[in-house]
Structure formats: C-alpha cells, structure tokens
Amino acid sequence: MPRQSSTRPQAPEGVSRNTKASAFCSFVQRYNDLVLQTHDYPDPDAIAAAYGLAALISALGGQAVICYTGSITRAITQEMLSILRIPILPAVCRPGKDSAILVVDGRIQNTNVTKFPAKYVAEIDHHPTKNAQIRVAFRDVRPHYGSASSIVGEYWRDLGLPIPRSVATALAIGLNTDTQRLMRETHIADIEIYSWLFKKVDRTYLQYVLNNNIERADFQYYSRAITSLIVRENFGLADLEELDNPALIAIIGDFLLTAKEIGVMLTLALSENKVMLSLRSEDPEYPVNDISMFITQGIGSAGGHRSMAAGTCPIPEGTDPVSLKKQIIDRYFSCLKTGYGLS
C-alpha cells in the first residue's frame, strides 16, 4: 500500500488545477512512496526524466527511488550519473509486491519494460503506441513531444518550484539527446521548455556531454558500419555483427543517416542472444515506427516515432542468427515497394 504522508502535497498557489502538473500533485497525494522505473537499458532521456520526477516528488513531500533493468554501457552516461549525482539503481533487488511503480519514458504494456510483481500505478511517456491502455491512477502521454524530459520540465515550470541546477542540466541533456539537438521529432513545447531550462543549467557541463558522446573504442564499430553499408534507392543498411553496447547502434545509425543518399536507415547487431535494431527516417513516406513493427512481426517487438524506432528479435534456441538477420533484412528492403506492409 502507498505510504500516506502527513503533509499532503498541493499545487502551489496560482497553478491551474486543470494542468497536468496539478494532476501530478494530486497523484502524489495518493502515492507518495514510489518506484520510478525506466524502460530497459535506459538512455539519457529516460534517466533524466526519472531524476527530475524523483526530485519533484521530494519537493512535494514524497519520496521515490529510480530503478532500471539491463545496463548503462555508455561511458558519458555513466559519467553523467556520477557528476549530477543521479541516484538510479539496477533492479537487482526487485520491487516488492506492495511497491507502487510509475513507468518513465515508456508504457507499462511495452515489451521493453521488464515487469515486476508490484502495482503499476502510472506512466509518463512521449512515444506513440498501439497497445491497449490499462487502467492507472495517473497517465501523461504526449506522442507529439520530442522527449520525456520536456514533460517533466514542464511540471517544474508550471508548478513554479525552484528547480535544482543538476536537475535542470539533466533534463536539458535528455531533451537534447532525444530530439537530436531540437532537430528531430521536436514540438514547439520542447523548444519552449528548453529555453526555460537553459537559463538554469550548468552550460559548460551541458556542452561537454553533448559534444563527447562517442569514445575511441567506438571507432571500430563505425568502421564496421561503413564497410558493411548497403544502399538501395534511399534505404541504408549496416550490420555491426556482435556488439555489447546496444546504445551505440542508434548513435551509429544517426551518423549514417547524415549521408545525402540515405533517407531511411536500419542498423542492426547481435547482442545478448538477440538481434537489436535501430531505425531512422528523414523520408515522410517511410515512417519507421510502422516499418519496425512490420519487419519484427512474429519474430520480435518494436516501436517508436515516425522518424526513429527500435526493435528486438530474440534468437530462438537452435536458430542460426544469420538466417534471422536475413529475414529481417529481406522484410526491410521489401518496404521499398509502395505501401508494402505499412498501415
């Protein structure tokens, strides 16, 4: 059961009771001892949004812990946790059955959110989904927003609370990385909240993180991607073979998409007995949220936005990974046929 606080959080004076920020305050009145769970293998946006929520819940008189499943492999992200002192923990000790969980930067129903035997009470996300909604105490889903950090930043702004510098900096990092510096899936609301955050961040550290997102050890994978690159019409494909750093798949995909001849990009790799996929599109005729679901249908799961998506295909026991990758690649290039497989 949620712990009842002696101090009932209220929206600060002057804040409309009709705003999502006010609704979140009301939610924290009921559930003020929360577990904030990110999607598996959290990226900077998921981490930043969870951190911003945990700090906000504390400011409202409650308490929250942040957990995730998988790993955080990027050195720059690990450094961000250390420098900004973000208290995120791997879910080694599973939340108990009485824990109340809020899913951040994901949906409770998603396959990339490992389920615990606990009570899932809320979700805050910016990804579109075709999954049926389940009943929760609080939901704030804005598919037109570019990041979960934007939503959390709005809560702080609309409540008029003094945001700590480390929280503002984390949210600015999360917003920038998910929107590729306000150039991808960006809504006017993302720009407005970034302008508000920018006045409160550690600008030197923000610039450092955004300008240092690859390491020398990554160069071998960039080389492998360039060597394996196949382009058919404006569809690009790169096979990174085996990779123990799933986050790098998307980073390399973004890099390859900058080639003038490529409008749609699929980057894939073997990792932890799965084929991991990252898709990017600058061509409005080819929404990769639809393409990703088509190419993983019956063999995995996927989802995302029109311009960026991801998928996972487990390798069944006794299955040759090469044949599974060939099936994925064949389906991908078949999408070049007008409307093939797309809704």
Protein backbone atom coordinates (compact mmCIF):
# COMPACT_ATOMS: atom_id res chain seq x y z
CA MET A 1 0.00 0.00 0.00
CA PRO A 2 1.24 3.55 -0.67
CA ARG A 3 2.53 5.36 2.41
CA GLN A 4 0.27 8.21 3.41
CA SER A 5 2.13 11.42 4.12
CA SER A 6 1.28 13.71 7.00
CA THR A 7 1.88 16.58 4.60
CA ARG A 8 -0.49 16.40 1.65
CA PRO A 9 1.18 17.91 -1.46
CA GLN A 10 -0.79 20.67 -3.12
CA ALA A 11 -0.28 22.56 -6.37
CA PRO A 12 1.35 25.90 -5.48
CA GLU A 13 -0.89 28.94 -5.43
CA GLY A 14 -1.63 30.33 -8.88
CA VAL A 15 -1.28 26.97 -10.66
CA SER A 16 -4.41 25.90 -12.51
CA ARG A 17 -5.99 22.74 -11.14
CA ASN A 18 -6.64 21.70 -14.74
CA THR A 19 -2.97 21.35 -15.68
CA LYS A 20 -1.14 18.05 -15.83
CA ALA A 21 1.28 19.43 -13.25
CA SER A 22 -1.57 19.96 -10.81
CA ALA A 23 -2.91 16.48 -11.59
CA PHE A 24 0.53 15.07 -10.82
CA CYS A 25 0.44 16.82 -7.43
CA SER A 26 -2.90 15.16 -6.71
CA PHE A 27 -1.44 11.81 -7.74
CA VAL A 28 1.48 12.29 -5.33
CA GLN A 29 -1.04 12.90 -2.55
CA ARG A 30 -2.23 9.30 -3.03
CA TYR A 31 1.08 7.67 -3.98
CA ASN A 32 3.94 9.48 -2.31
CA ASP A 33 6.27 6.49 -1.90
CA LEU A 34 7.06 5.45 -5.45
CA VAL A 35 9.41 3.35 -7.54
CA LEU A 36 10.24 5.14 -10.81
CA GLN A 37 11.06 2.52 -13.43
CA THR A 38 12.62 3.46 -16.76
CA HIS A 39 12.48 1.31 -19.86
CA ASP A 40 15.16 -1.37 -20.03
CA TYR A 41 18.66 -0.17 -21.00
CA PRO A 42 17.74 3.46 -20.23
CA ASP A 43 19.02 6.30 -22.39
CA PRO A 44 19.81 9.82 -21.13
CA ASP A 45 16.21 10.99 -21.64
CA ALA A 46 14.77 8.18 -19.52
CA ILE A 47 17.39 8.72 -16.81
CA ALA A 48 16.94 12.50 -16.77
CA ALA A 49 13.14 12.34 -16.70
CA ALA A 50 13.19 9.85 -13.81
CA TYR A 51 15.69 12.02 -11.92
CA GLY A 52 13.55 15.11 -12.48
CA LEU A 53 10.46 13.28 -11.22
CA ALA A 54 12.23 11.92 -8.14
CA ALA A 55 13.42 15.41 -7.20
CA LEU A 56 9.96 16.84 -7.83
CA ILE A 57 8.26 14.19 -5.70
CA SER A 58 10.72 15.01 -2.91
CA ALA A 59 9.94 18.73 -3.26
CA LEU A 60 6.24 17.86 -2.92
CA GLY A 61 6.83 15.97 0.32
CA GLY A 62 7.00 12.41 -1.01
CA GLN A 63 9.84 10.05 -1.80
CA ALA A 64 10.88 7.96 -4.80
CA VAL A 65 13.62 5.61 -5.90
CA ILE A 66 14.70 5.07 -9.52
CA CYS A 67 15.40 1.62 -10.97
CA TYR A 68 16.05 0.02 -14.33
CA THR A 69 16.68 -3.39 -15.89
CA GLY A 70 19.54 -4.06 -18.29
CA SER A 71 22.69 -1.98 -18.26
CA ILE A 72 24.02 1.53 -18.83
CA THR A 73 27.01 0.98 -21.08
CA ARG A 74 27.89 4.42 -22.41
CA ALA A 75 30.80 5.98 -20.52
CA ILE A 76 29.42 9.50 -20.98
CA THR A 77 26.06 8.42 -19.50
CA GLN A 78 27.75 6.76 -16.53
CA GLU A 79 29.74 9.93 -16.01
CA MET A 80 26.53 11.95 -16.13
CA LEU A 81 25.14 9.81 -13.29
CA SER A 82 28.24 10.48 -11.23
CA ILE A 83 28.68 14.21 -11.93
CA LEU A 84 25.00 15.07 -11.43
CA ARG A 85 24.65 12.54 -8.58
CA ILE A 86 21.64 10.81 -10.08
CA PRO A 87 20.52 8.04 -7.69
CA ILE A 88 19.49 5.37 -10.19
CA LEU A 89 19.85 1.69 -9.29
CA PRO A 90 19.80 -1.53 -11.32
CA ALA A 91 16.78 -3.60 -10.36
CA VAL A 92 18.81 -6.36 -8.70
CA CYS A 93 16.56 -6.16 -5.67
CA ARG A 94 13.17 -6.41 -7.31
CA PRO A 95 10.45 -4.03 -6.11
CA GLY A 96 8.14 -5.85 -3.70
CA LYS A 97 4.52 -6.70 -4.36
CA ASP A 98 3.40 -3.70 -2.30
CA SER A 99 5.54 -1.24 -4.28
CA ALA A 100 3.78 1.39 -6.39
CA ILE A 101 5.56 1.81 -9.73
CA LEU A 102 5.49 4.74 -12.14
CA VAL A 103 6.96 3.93 -15.57
CA VAL A 104 9.02 6.78 -17.07
CA ASP A 105 9.79 7.21 -20.80
CA GLY A 106 7.85 4.07 -21.64
CA ARG A 107 4.46 2.40 -21.33
CA ILE A 108 3.59 -0.27 -18.81
CA GLN A 109 2.45 -2.59 -21.61
CA ASN A 110 5.67 -2.27 -23.61
CA THR A 111 7.91 -5.30 -24.00
CA ASN A 112 10.99 -3.18 -23.19
CA VAL A 113 9.70 -2.59 -19.66
CA THR A 114 10.51 -5.63 -17.51
CA LYS A 115 7.52 -6.37 -15.29
CA PHE A 116 7.84 -6.87 -11.54
CA PRO A 117 5.25 -8.41 -9.20
CA ALA A 118 4.26 -4.96 -7.98
CA LYS A 119 1.46 -2.45 -8.50
CA TYR A 120 1.84 -0.37 -11.67
CA VAL A 121 0.01 2.87 -10.96
CA ALA A 122 1.21 5.45 -13.50
CA GLU A 123 3.07 6.13 -16.74
CA ILE A 124 4.68 9.22 -18.24
CA ASP A 125 5.82 8.90 -21.84
CA HIS A 126 6.18 10.59 -25.22
CA HIS A 127 6.12 7.54 -27.53
CA PRO A 128 3.11 6.60 -29.67
CA THR A 129 1.81 3.08 -29.13
CA LYS A 130 -0.89 0.79 -30.48
CA ASN A 131 -1.07 -1.22 -27.25
CA ALA A 132 -4.35 -1.14 -25.35
CA GLN A 133 -4.26 1.19 -22.36
CA ILE A 134 -4.58 -0.32 -18.91
CA ARG A 135 -6.24 1.45 -16.03
CA VAL A 136 -3.84 3.52 -13.93
CA ALA A 137 -4.09 6.26 -11.31
CA PHE A 138 -2.13 8.74 -13.45
CA ARG A 139 -1.17 8.89 -17.11
CA ASP A 140 0.56 11.64 -19.07
CA VAL A 141 1.39 10.51 -22.61
CA ARG A 142 2.28 13.11 -25.25
CA PRO A 143 3.35 11.47 -28.53
CA HIS A 144 3.81 14.87 -30.15
CA TYR A 145 6.59 15.77 -27.69
CA GLY A 146 10.20 15.01 -28.50
CA SER A 147 11.27 13.81 -25.06
CA ALA A 148 10.04 12.68 -21.65
CA SER A 149 12.38 15.28 -20.15
CA SER A 150 10.26 18.00 -21.76
CA ILE A 151 7.16 16.77 -19.91
CA VAL A 152 8.94 16.66 -16.56
CA GLY A 153 10.49 20.06 -17.17
CA GLU A 154 7.02 21.46 -17.75
CA TYR A 155 5.88 20.14 -14.37
CA TRP A 156 8.65 22.10 -12.65
CA ARG A 157 7.93 25.25 -14.66
CA ASP A 158 4.15 25.13 -14.24
CA LEU A 159 4.37 24.47 -10.50
CA GLY A 160 6.72 27.43 -10.08
CA LEU A 161 9.10 25.44 -7.89
CA PRO A 162 12.84 26.31 -7.76
CA ILE A 163 14.48 23.61 -9.88
CA PRO A 164 17.94 22.43 -8.74
CA ARG A 165 20.71 23.15 -11.21
CA SER A 166 21.63 19.46 -11.52
CA VAL A 167 18.02 18.55 -12.35
CA ALA A 168 17.71 21.31 -14.97
CA THR A 169 21.02 20.19 -16.52
CA ALA A 170 19.95 16.54 -16.64
CA LEU A 171 16.61 17.42 -18.24
CA ALA A 172 18.36 19.62 -20.83
CA ILE A 173 20.68 16.72 -21.69
CA GLY A 174 17.78 14.28 -22.02
CA LEU A 175 15.78 16.70 -24.17
CA ASN A 176 18.74 17.39 -26.47
CA THR A 177 19.73 13.77 -26.98
CA ASP A 178 16.23 12.53 -27.79
CA THR A 179 15.48 15.37 -30.21
CA GLN A 180 18.99 15.39 -31.68
CA ARG A 181 19.50 18.97 -30.53
CA LEU A 182 15.94 20.05 -31.36
CA MET A 183 16.17 18.79 -34.95
CA ARG A 184 14.14 15.54 -34.69
CA GLU A 185 10.53 14.95 -33.60
CA THR A 186 10.55 18.39 -31.99
CA HIS A 187 7.40 20.20 -30.88
CA ILE A 188 7.18 23.90 -30.07
CA ALA A 189 6.67 22.83 -26.44
CA ASP A 190 10.10 21.17 -26.45
CA ILE A 191 11.69 24.41 -27.61
CA GLU A 192 9.81 26.47 -25.03
CA ILE A 193 10.75 24.25 -22.10
CA TYR A 194 14.36 24.03 -23.29
CA SER A 195 14.51 27.83 -23.34
CA TRP A 196 13.24 27.84 -19.74
CA LEU A 197 15.70 25.15 -18.64
CA PHE A 198 18.67 26.72 -20.42
CA LYS A 199 18.62 29.70 -18.05
CA LYS A 200 19.12 27.34 -15.11
CA VAL A 201 21.61 24.72 -16.36
CA ASP A 202 25.34 24.20 -15.97
CA ARG A 203 26.09 25.28 -19.54
CA THR A 204 29.71 24.14 -19.51
CA TYR A 205 28.79 20.61 -18.49
CA LEU A 206 25.81 20.51 -20.87
CA GLN A 207 28.06 21.39 -23.80
CA TYR A 208 30.67 18.84 -22.69
CA VAL A 209 28.15 15.97 -22.58
CA LEU A 210 26.55 16.83 -25.92
CA ASN A 211 29.92 17.16 -27.67
CA ASN A 212 31.51 14.00 -26.24
CA ASN A 213 29.08 11.16 -26.88
CA ILE A 214 31.50 8.70 -28.53
CA GLU A 215 34.73 7.08 -27.41
CA ARG A 216 37.88 5.93 -29.23
CA ALA A 217 36.84 2.32 -28.63
CA ASP A 218 33.71 3.00 -30.73
CA PHE A 219 35.67 3.74 -33.89
CA GLN A 220 35.99 0.06 -34.78
CA TYR A 221 32.19 -0.16 -34.98
CA TYR A 222 31.96 2.96 -37.13
CA SER A 223 34.49 1.33 -39.45
CA ARG A 224 32.47 -1.89 -39.48
CA ALA A 225 29.26 0.04 -40.23
CA ILE A 226 30.83 1.92 -43.15
CA THR A 227 32.34 -1.27 -44.58
CA SER A 228 29.05 -3.20 -44.35
CA LEU A 229 26.84 -0.35 -45.58
CA ILE A 230 24.36 -1.27 -48.32
CA VAL A 231 22.21 1.37 -50.01
CA ARG A 232 19.22 0.55 -52.22
CA GLU A 233 17.44 3.61 -53.55
CA ASN A 234 17.36 5.71 -50.36
CA PHE A 235 17.28 2.76 -47.91
CA GLY A 236 20.51 2.17 -45.99
CA LEU A 237 21.51 -0.92 -44.03
CA ALA A 238 24.52 -1.54 -41.76
CA ASP A 239 25.29 -4.76 -39.88
CA LEU A 240 27.54 -4.23 -36.85
CA GLU A 241 27.72 -8.01 -36.23
CA GLU A 242 28.32 -8.59 -32.49
CA LEU A 243 28.11 -5.65 -30.12
CA ASP A 244 27.94 -5.49 -26.32
CA ASN A 245 26.80 -1.88 -26.29
CA PRO A 246 23.22 -1.61 -27.63
CA ALA A 247 23.12 2.19 -27.20
CA LEU A 248 25.82 2.54 -29.86
CA ILE A 249 23.55 1.04 -32.54
CA ALA A 250 21.31 4.13 -32.55
CA ILE A 251 24.25 6.55 -32.39
CA ILE A 252 25.86 4.96 -35.46
CA GLY A 253 22.51 4.88 -37.25
CA ASP A 254 22.13 8.63 -36.70
CA PHE A 255 25.64 9.15 -38.09
CA LEU A 256 24.97 7.12 -41.26
CA LEU A 257 21.69 8.93 -41.86
CA THR A 258 23.66 12.14 -42.41
CA ALA A 259 24.77 10.75 -45.81
CA LYS A 260 22.94 12.67 -48.53
CA GLU A 261 21.97 9.47 -50.37
CA ILE A 262 20.26 7.86 -47.34
CA GLY A 263 16.73 8.76 -46.28
CA VAL A 264 15.91 5.64 -44.23
CA MET A 265 18.46 3.72 -42.16
CA LEU A 266 18.42 0.32 -40.45
CA THR A 267 21.34 -0.54 -38.18
CA LEU A 268 21.43 -3.95 -36.53
CA ALA A 269 23.70 -6.03 -34.31
CA LEU A 270 23.78 -9.21 -32.26
CA SER A 271 23.71 -8.55 -28.53
CA GLU A 272 22.81 -10.84 -25.61
CA ASN A 273 21.32 -13.55 -27.85
CA LYS A 274 19.11 -11.02 -29.63
CA VAL A 275 19.15 -9.10 -32.88
CA MET A 276 18.90 -5.45 -31.87
CA LEU A 277 17.52 -2.97 -34.41
CA SER A 278 17.65 0.80 -34.70
CA LEU A 279 15.76 2.61 -37.47
CA ARG A 280 15.85 6.22 -38.57
CA SER A 281 13.96 8.07 -41.30
CA GLU A 282 14.05 11.50 -42.89
CA ASP A 283 11.57 10.43 -45.58
CA PRO A 284 7.93 11.18 -44.64
CA GLU A 285 6.76 8.38 -46.95
CA TYR A 286 8.52 5.81 -44.78
CA PRO A 287 7.57 6.08 -41.08
CA VAL A 288 9.94 3.78 -39.22
CA ASN A 289 7.52 3.11 -36.36
CA ASP A 290 5.41 1.21 -38.92
CA ILE A 291 8.43 -0.32 -40.68
CA SER A 292 9.90 -1.55 -37.40
CA MET A 293 6.69 -3.32 -36.42
CA PHE A 294 6.38 -4.85 -39.89
CA ILE A 295 9.89 -6.29 -40.00
CA THR A 296 9.66 -7.73 -36.47
CA GLN A 297 6.12 -9.12 -36.79
CA GLY A 298 6.01 -12.65 -35.39
CA ILE A 299 9.73 -12.69 -34.56
CA GLY A 300 10.17 -9.84 -32.10
CA SER A 301 8.83 -6.49 -30.96
CA ALA A 302 9.36 -2.86 -31.93
CA GLY A 303 8.01 0.66 -31.76
CA GLY A 304 8.89 4.32 -31.74
CA HIS A 305 8.18 7.51 -33.68
CA ARG A 306 7.84 8.24 -37.40
CA SER A 307 11.48 9.28 -37.63
CA MET A 308 13.09 6.94 -35.06
CA ALA A 309 12.29 3.47 -33.82
CA ALA A 310 13.90 0.42 -32.28
CA GLY A 311 13.23 -3.31 -32.17
CA THR A 312 14.41 -6.56 -30.66
CA CYS A 313 14.25 -10.08 -32.10
CA PRO A 314 15.24 -12.88 -29.69
CA ILE A 315 17.21 -15.69 -31.31
CA PRO A 316 15.31 -18.95 -30.65
CA GLU A 317 17.34 -21.92 -29.48
CA GLY A 318 18.74 -23.80 -32.46
CA THR A 319 18.17 -20.88 -34.85
CA ASP A 320 21.02 -19.59 -36.97
CA PRO A 321 21.39 -15.84 -36.23
CA VAL A 322 22.42 -15.28 -39.85
CA SER A 323 19.09 -16.63 -41.13
CA LEU A 324 17.15 -14.46 -38.66
CA LYS A 325 19.06 -11.37 -39.76
CA LYS A 326 18.41 -12.24 -43.42
CA GLN A 327 14.68 -12.44 -42.71
CA ILE A 328 14.76 -9.01 -41.07
CA ILE A 329 16.81 -7.50 -43.91
CA ASP A 330 14.57 -9.01 -46.62
CA ARG A 331 11.49 -7.56 -44.93
CA TYR A 332 13.17 -4.19 -44.58
CA PHE A 333 14.08 -3.84 -48.23
CA SER A 334 10.66 -5.15 -49.27
CA CYS A 335 9.22 -1.94 -47.82
CA LEU A 336 10.61 -0.13 -50.84
CA LYS A 337 7.62 -1.50 -52.71
CA THR A 338 4.93 1.16 -52.47
CA GLY A 339 2.94 0.73 -49.29
CA TYR A 340 4.17 -2.83 -48.75
CA GLY A 341 3.48 -3.92 -45.20
CA LEU A 342 2.74 -0.41 -44.00
CA SER A 343 -0.50 0.75 -42.46
